[in-house]
PDB file of N, CA and C in Angstrom:
ATOM      1  N   MET A   1      53.943  24.105 -96.116  1.00  0.00           N
ATOM      2  CA  MET A   1      54.773  24.842 -95.185  1.00  0.00           C
ATOM      3  C   MET A   1      54.219  24.623 -93.780  1.00  0.00           C
ATOM      4  N   ASN A   2      55.091  24.435 -92.834  1.00  0.00           N
ATOM      5  CA  ASN A   2      54.696  24.250 -91.439  1.00  0.00           C
ATOM      6  C   ASN A   2      54.851  25.561 -90.682  1.00  0.00           C
ATOM      7  N   ILE A   3      53.770  25.971 -90.016  1.00  0.00           N
ATOM      8  CA  ILE A   3      53.782  27.146 -89.160  1.00  0.00           C
ATOM      9  C   ILE A   3      53.073  26.774 -87.862  1.00  0.00           C
ATOM     10  N   THR A   4      53.129  27.673 -86.899  1.00  0.00           N
ATOM     11  CA  THR A   4      52.435  27.465 -85.632  1.00  0.00           C
ATOM     12  C   THR A   4      51.342  28.524 -85.526  1.00  0.00           C
ATOM     13  N   VAL A   5      50.112  28.061 -85.275  1.00  0.00           N
ATOM     14  CA  VAL A   5      48.980  28.975 -85.130  1.00  0.00           C
ATOM     15  C   VAL A   5      48.372  28.749 -83.757  1.00  0.00           C
ATOM     16  N   ASN A   6      48.360  29.802 -82.949  1.00  0.00           N
ATOM     17  CA  ASN A   6      47.858  29.720 -81.574  1.00  0.00           C
ATOM     18  C   ASN A   6      48.454  28.511 -80.849  1.00  0.00           C
ATOM     19  N   GLU A   7      49.770  28.385 -80.996  1.00  0.00           N
ATOM     20  CA  GLU A   7      50.583  27.369 -80.326  1.00  0.00           C
ATOM     21  C   GLU A   7      50.345  25.944 -80.818  1.00  0.00           C
ATOM     22  N   GLU A   8      49.663  25.775 -81.961  1.00  0.00           N
ATOM     23  CA  GLU A   8      49.434  24.458 -82.552  1.00  0.00           C
ATOM     24  C   GLU A   8      50.150  24.390 -83.897  1.00  0.00           C
ATOM     25  N   PRO A   9      50.995  23.382 -84.114  1.00  0.00           N
ATOM     26  CA  PRO A   9      51.648  23.254 -85.416  1.00  0.00           C
ATOM     27  C   PRO A   9      50.625  22.858 -86.480  1.00  0.00           C
ATOM     28  N   ILE A  10      50.684  23.528 -87.623  1.00  0.00           N
ATOM     29  CA  ILE A  10      49.810  23.175 -88.734  1.00  0.00           C
ATOM     30  C   ILE A  10      50.602  23.245 -90.032  1.00  0.00           C
ATOM     31  N   ASP A  11      50.097  22.566 -91.028  1.00  0.00           N
ATOM     32  CA  ASP A  11      50.673  22.596 -92.362  1.00  0.00           C
ATOM     33  C   ASP A  11      49.712  23.377 -93.246  1.00  0.00           C
ATOM     34  N   VAL A  12      50.199  24.415 -93.911  1.00  0.00           N
ATOM     35  CA  VAL A  12      49.355  25.201 -94.803  1.00  0.00           C
ATOM     36  C   VAL A  12      49.794  24.953 -96.244  1.00  0.00           C
ATOM     37  N   PRO A  13      48.857  25.047 -97.181  1.00  0.00           N
ATOM     38  CA  PRO A  13      49.202  24.819 -98.588  1.00  0.00           C
ATOM     39  C   PRO A  13      50.236  25.819 -99.101  1.00  0.00           C
ATOM     40  N   SER A  14      50.925  25.449-100.149  1.00  0.00           N
ATOM     41  CA  SER A  14      51.988  26.294-100.699  1.00  0.00           C
ATOM     42  C   SER A  14      51.467  27.606-101.277  1.00  0.00           C
ATOM     43  N   ASP A  15      50.173  27.698-101.588  1.00  0.00           N
ATOM     44  CA  ASP A  15      49.638  28.947-102.127  1.00  0.00           C
ATOM     45  C   ASP A  15      49.347  29.978-101.036  1.00  0.00           C
ATOM     46  N   VAL A  16      49.495  29.606 -99.773  1.00  0.00           N
ATOM     47  CA  VAL A  16      49.334  30.545 -98.663  1.00  0.00           C
ATOM     48  C   VAL A  16      50.699  31.190 -98.427  1.00  0.00           C
ATOM     49  N   LYS A  17      50.862  32.381 -99.006  1.00  0.00           N
ATOM     50  CA  LYS A  17      52.173  33.037 -98.981  1.00  0.00           C
ATOM     51  C   LYS A  17      52.225  34.281 -98.105  1.00  0.00           C
ATOM     52  N   THR A  18      51.075  34.881 -97.818  1.00  0.00           N
ATOM     53  CA  THR A  18      51.031  36.106 -97.014  1.00  0.00           C
ATOM     54  C   THR A  18      49.992  35.950 -95.902  1.00  0.00           C
ATOM     55  N   ILE A  19      49.977  36.907 -95.000  1.00  0.00           N
ATOM     56  CA  ILE A  19      48.960  36.901 -93.940  1.00  0.00           C
ATOM     57  C   ILE A  19      47.574  37.030 -94.554  1.00  0.00           C
ATOM     58  N   GLU A  20      47.439  37.810 -95.622  1.00  0.00           N
ATOM     59  CA  GLU A  20      46.143  37.932 -96.290  1.00  0.00           C
ATOM     60  C   GLU A  20      45.689  36.587 -96.859  1.00  0.00           C
ATOM     61  N   ASP A  21      46.615  35.834 -97.462  1.00  0.00           N
ATOM     62  CA  ASP A  21      46.295  34.483 -97.943  1.00  0.00           C
ATOM     63  C   ASP A  21      45.867  33.599 -96.782  1.00  0.00           C
ATOM     64  N   PHE A  22      46.569  33.710 -95.660  1.00  0.00           N
ATOM     65  CA  PHE A  22      46.244  32.948 -94.458  1.00  0.00           C
ATOM     66  C   PHE A  22      44.818  33.258 -94.002  1.00  0.00           C
ATOM     67  N   ARG A  23      44.455  34.560 -93.975  1.00  0.00           N
ATOM     68  CA  ARG A  23      43.107  34.955 -93.566  1.00  0.00           C
ATOM     69  C   ARG A  23      42.053  34.358 -94.497  1.00  0.00           C
ATOM     70  N   LYS A  24      42.321  34.383 -95.791  1.00  0.00           N
ATOM     71  CA  LYS A  24      41.375  33.811 -96.759  1.00  0.00           C
ATOM     72  C   LYS A  24      41.269  32.294 -96.579  1.00  0.00           C
ATOM     73  N   HIS A  25      42.405  31.628 -96.433  1.00  0.00           N
ATOM     74  CA  HIS A  25      42.427  30.168 -96.291  1.00  0.00           C
ATOM     75  C   HIS A  25      41.638  29.711 -95.063  1.00  0.00           C
ATOM     76  N   PHE A  26      41.750  30.454 -93.962  1.00  0.00           N
ATOM     77  CA  PHE A  26      41.073  30.067 -92.724  1.00  0.00           C
ATOM     78  C   PHE A  26      39.762  30.831 -92.505  1.00  0.00           C
ATOM     79  N   ASN A  27      39.270  31.464 -93.570  1.00  0.00           N
ATOM     80  CA  ASN A  27      37.956  32.108 -93.544  1.00  0.00           C
ATOM     81  C   ASN A  27      37.858  33.160 -92.435  1.00  0.00           C
ATOM     82  N   LEU A  28      38.886  33.987 -92.315  1.00  0.00           N
ATOM     83  CA  LEU A  28      38.916  35.037 -91.292  1.00  0.00           C
ATOM     84  C   LEU A  28      38.641  36.422 -91.868  1.00  0.00           C
ATOM     85  N   ILE A  29      38.271  36.502 -93.123  1.00  0.00           N
ATOM     86  CA  ILE A  29      38.095  37.794 -93.789  1.00  0.00           C
ATOM     87  C   ILE A  29      36.985  38.620 -93.143  1.00  0.00           C
ATOM     88  N   GLU A  30      35.855  38.019 -92.874  1.00  0.00           N
ATOM     89  CA  GLU A  30      34.707  38.760 -92.341  1.00  0.00           C
ATOM     90  C   GLU A  30      34.681  38.829 -90.815  1.00  0.00           C
ATOM     91  N   LYS A  31      35.586  38.152 -90.165  1.00  0.00           N
ATOM     92  CA  LYS A  31      35.585  38.107 -88.702  1.00  0.00           C
ATOM     93  C   LYS A  31      36.511  39.176 -88.135  1.00  0.00           C
ATOM     94  N   LYS A  32      36.128  39.734 -87.009  1.00  0.00           N
ATOM     95  CA  LYS A  32      36.982  40.693 -86.310  1.00  0.00           C
ATOM     96  C   LYS A  32      38.085  39.908 -85.601  1.00  0.00           C
ATOM     97  N   ALA A  33      39.316  40.167 -86.005  1.00  0.00           N
ATOM     98  CA  ALA A  33      40.428  39.436 -85.411  1.00  0.00           C
ATOM     99  C   ALA A  33      41.690  40.288 -85.444  1.00  0.00           C
ATOM    100  N   MET A  34      42.546  40.076 -84.456  1.00  0.00           N
ATOM    101  CA  MET A  34      43.865  40.676 -84.413  1.00  0.00           C
ATOM    102  C   MET A  34      44.845  39.554 -84.731  1.00  0.00           C
ATOM    103  N   ILE A  35      45.807  39.839 -85.592  1.00  0.00           N
ATOM    104  CA  ILE A  35      46.784  38.820 -85.968  1.00  0.00           C
ATOM    105  C   ILE A  35      48.171  39.293 -85.570  1.00  0.00           C
ATOM    106  N   GLU A  36      48.868  38.376 -84.890  1.00  0.00           N
ATOM    107  CA  GLU A  36      50.245  38.626 -84.483  1.00  0.00           C
ATOM    108  C   GLU A  36      51.124  37.673 -85.290  1.00  0.00           C
ATOM    109  N   HIS A  37      52.170  38.211 -85.886  1.00  0.00           N
ATOM    110  CA  HIS A  37      53.092  37.416 -86.702  1.00  0.00           C
ATOM    111  C   HIS A  37      54.476  37.498 -86.077  1.00  0.00           C
ATOM    112  N   ASN A  38      54.968  36.370 -85.620  1.00  0.00           N
ATOM    113  CA  ASN A  38      56.282  36.311 -84.966  1.00  0.00           C
ATOM    114  C   ASN A  38      56.420  37.378 -83.873  1.00  0.00           C
ATOM    115  N   LYS A  39      55.398  37.419 -83.020  1.00  0.00           N
ATOM    116  CA  LYS A  39      55.344  38.285 -81.829  1.00  0.00           C
ATOM    117  C   LYS A  39      55.210  39.775 -82.144  1.00  0.00           C
ATOM    118  N   VAL A  40      54.767  40.100 -83.357  1.00  0.00           N
ATOM    119  CA  VAL A  40      54.524  41.490 -83.736  1.00  0.00           C
ATOM    120  C   VAL A  40      53.069  41.607 -84.180  1.00  0.00           C
ATOM    121  N   ALA A  41      52.298  42.447 -83.470  1.00  0.00           N
ATOM    122  CA  ALA A  41      50.902  42.667 -83.846  1.00  0.00           C
ATOM    123  C   ALA A  41      50.870  43.447 -85.158  1.00  0.00           C
ATOM    124  N   LEU A  42      50.065  42.955 -86.095  1.00  0.00           N
ATOM    125  CA  LEU A  42      49.979  43.581 -87.416  1.00  0.00           C
ATOM    126  C   LEU A  42      48.754  44.472 -87.538  1.00  0.00           C
ATOM    127  N   ARG A  43      48.909  45.545 -88.291  1.00  0.00           N
ATOM    128  CA  ARG A  43      47.762  46.373 -88.680  1.00  0.00           C
ATOM    129  C   ARG A  43      47.156  45.732 -89.925  1.00  0.00           C
ATOM    130  N   PRO A  44      45.873  45.877 -90.145  1.00  0.00           N
ATOM    131  CA  PRO A  44      45.246  45.290 -91.336  1.00  0.00           C
ATOM    132  C   PRO A  44      45.913  45.690 -92.651  1.00  0.00           C
ATOM    133  N   ASP A  45      46.457  46.893 -92.740  1.00  0.00           N
ATOM    134  CA  ASP A  45      47.102  47.296 -93.990  1.00  0.00           C
ATOM    135  C   ASP A  45      48.444  46.592 -94.221  1.00  0.00           C
ATOM    136  N   GLU A  46      48.918  45.819 -93.237  1.00  0.00           N
ATOM    137  CA  GLU A  46      50.168  45.069 -93.386  1.00  0.00           C
ATOM    138  C   GLU A  46      49.940  43.623 -93.823  1.00  0.00           C
ATOM    139  N   TYR A  47      48.708  43.155 -93.833  1.00  0.00           N
ATOM    140  CA  TYR A  47      48.414  41.746 -94.123  1.00  0.00           C
ATOM    141  C   TYR A  47      48.882  41.320 -95.514  1.00  0.00           C
ATOM    142  N   THR A  48      48.691  42.174 -96.501  1.00  0.00           N
ATOM    143  CA  THR A  48      49.024  41.805 -97.875  1.00  0.00           C
ATOM    144  C   THR A  48      50.526  41.728 -98.099  1.00  0.00           C
ATOM    145  N   ASP A  49      51.288  42.547 -97.401  1.00  0.00           N
ATOM    146  CA  ASP A  49      52.741  42.613 -97.609  1.00  0.00           C
ATOM    147  C   ASP A  49      53.539  41.712 -96.679  1.00  0.00           C
ATOM    148  N   THR A  50      52.905  41.146 -95.661  1.00  0.00           N
ATOM    149  CA  THR A  50      53.633  40.321 -94.700  1.00  0.00           C
ATOM    150  C   THR A  50      53.662  38.873 -95.178  1.00  0.00           C
ATOM    151  N   GLU A  51      54.845  38.409 -95.524  1.00  0.00           N
ATOM    152  CA  GLU A  51      55.010  37.059 -96.055  1.00  0.00           C
ATOM    153  C   GLU A  51      55.133  36.032 -94.937  1.00  0.00           C
ATOM    154  N   LEU A  52      54.604  34.851 -95.211  1.00  0.00           N
ATOM    155  CA  LEU A  52      54.752  33.718 -94.298  1.00  0.00           C
ATOM    156  C   LEU A  52      55.942  32.880 -94.718  1.00  0.00           C
ATOM    157  N   ASN A  53      56.654  32.363 -93.729  1.00  0.00           N
ATOM    158  CA  ASN A  53      57.804  31.494 -93.983  1.00  0.00           C
ATOM    159  C   ASN A  53      57.723  30.274 -93.080  1.00  0.00           C
ATOM    160  N   GLU A  54      58.412  29.245 -93.478  1.00  0.00           N
ATOM    161  CA  GLU A  54      58.490  28.017 -92.691  1.00  0.00           C
ATOM    162  C   GLU A  54      58.851  28.357 -91.246  1.00  0.00           C
ATOM    163  N   GLY A  55      58.087  27.806 -90.290  1.00  0.00           N
ATOM    164  CA  GLY A  55      58.381  27.981 -88.873  1.00  0.00           C
ATOM    165  C   GLY A  55      57.809  29.241 -88.238  1.00  0.00           C
ATOM    166  N   ASP A  56      57.130  30.075 -89.020  1.00  0.00           N
ATOM    167  CA  ASP A  56      56.555  31.298 -88.450  1.00  0.00           C
ATOM    168  C   ASP A  56      55.533  30.968 -87.368  1.00  0.00           C
ATOM    169  N   GLN A  57      55.369  31.916 -86.462  1.00  0.00           N
ATOM    170  CA  GLN A  57      54.389  31.785 -85.385  1.00  0.00           C
ATOM    171  C   GLN A  57      53.304  32.833 -85.569  1.00  0.00           C
ATOM    172  N   ILE A  58      52.059  32.368 -85.601  1.00  0.00           N
ATOM    173  CA  ILE A  58      50.901  33.234 -85.777  1.00  0.00           C
ATOM    174  C   ILE A  58      50.003  33.084 -84.553  1.00  0.00           C
ATOM    175  N   ILE A  59      49.537  34.214 -84.058  1.00  0.00           N
ATOM    176  CA  ILE A  59      48.518  34.217 -83.011  1.00  0.00           C
ATOM    177  C   ILE A  59      47.313  34.955 -83.578  1.00  0.00           C
ATOM    178  N   VAL A  60      46.150  34.329 -83.486  1.00  0.00           N
ATOM    179  CA  VAL A  60      44.903  34.949 -83.937  1.00  0.00           C
ATOM    180  C   VAL A  60      44.019  35.129 -82.707  1.00  0.00           C
ATOM    181  N   VAL A  61      43.627  36.378 -82.466  1.00  0.00           N
ATOM    182  CA  VAL A  61      42.707  36.686 -81.362  1.00  0.00           C
ATOM    183  C   VAL A  61      41.446  37.214 -81.999  1.00  0.00           C
ATOM    184  N   ARG A  62      40.350  36.481 -81.812  1.00  0.00           N
ATOM    185  CA  ARG A  62      39.062  36.915 -82.355  1.00  0.00           C
ATOM    186  C   ARG A  62      38.281  37.653 -81.294  1.00  0.00           C
ATOM    187  N   PHE A  63      37.647  38.749 -81.725  1.00  0.00           N
ATOM    188  CA  PHE A  63      36.867  39.579 -80.827  1.00  0.00           C
ATOM    189  C   PHE A  63      35.408  39.138 -80.893  1.00  0.00           C
ATOM    190  N   VAL A  64      34.809  38.997 -79.729  1.00  0.00           N
ATOM    191  CA  VAL A  64      33.396  38.640 -79.651  1.00  0.00           C
ATOM    192  C   VAL A  64      32.693  39.645 -78.742  1.00  0.00           C
ATOM    193  N   GLY A  65      31.445  39.905 -79.054  1.00  0.00           N
ATOM    194  CA  GLY A  65      30.668  40.824 -78.228  1.00  0.00           C
ATOM    195  C   GLY A  65      29.947  40.071 -77.130  1.00  0.00           C
ATOM    196  N   GLY A  66      29.507  40.790 -76.187  1.00  0.00           N
ATOM    197  CA  GLY A  66      28.772  40.182 -75.080  1.00  0.00           C
ATOM    198  C   GLY A  66      28.575  41.201 -73.973  1.00  0.00           C
ATOM    199  N   GLY A  67      27.907  40.752 -72.989  1.00  0.00           N
ATOM    200  CA  GLY A  67      27.751  41.699 -71.908  1.00  0.00           C
ATOM    201  C   GLY A  67      26.750  41.277 -70.892  1.00  0.00           C
TER     202      GLY A  67
END
């Protein structure tokens, strides 16, 4: 399936069906990140129920500390 992640087109395997699958596939489980799906910011409790479809747009913003 082809989707856009942070404005870059990518092809994800067919077993990546939800945002939670996407997080696992890209090793984002342990990282602090905000995920936007088709211009809607998701809460973590929505990751499992939010399905990915051909052409979807994902934005991943990772939080880093510093100072």
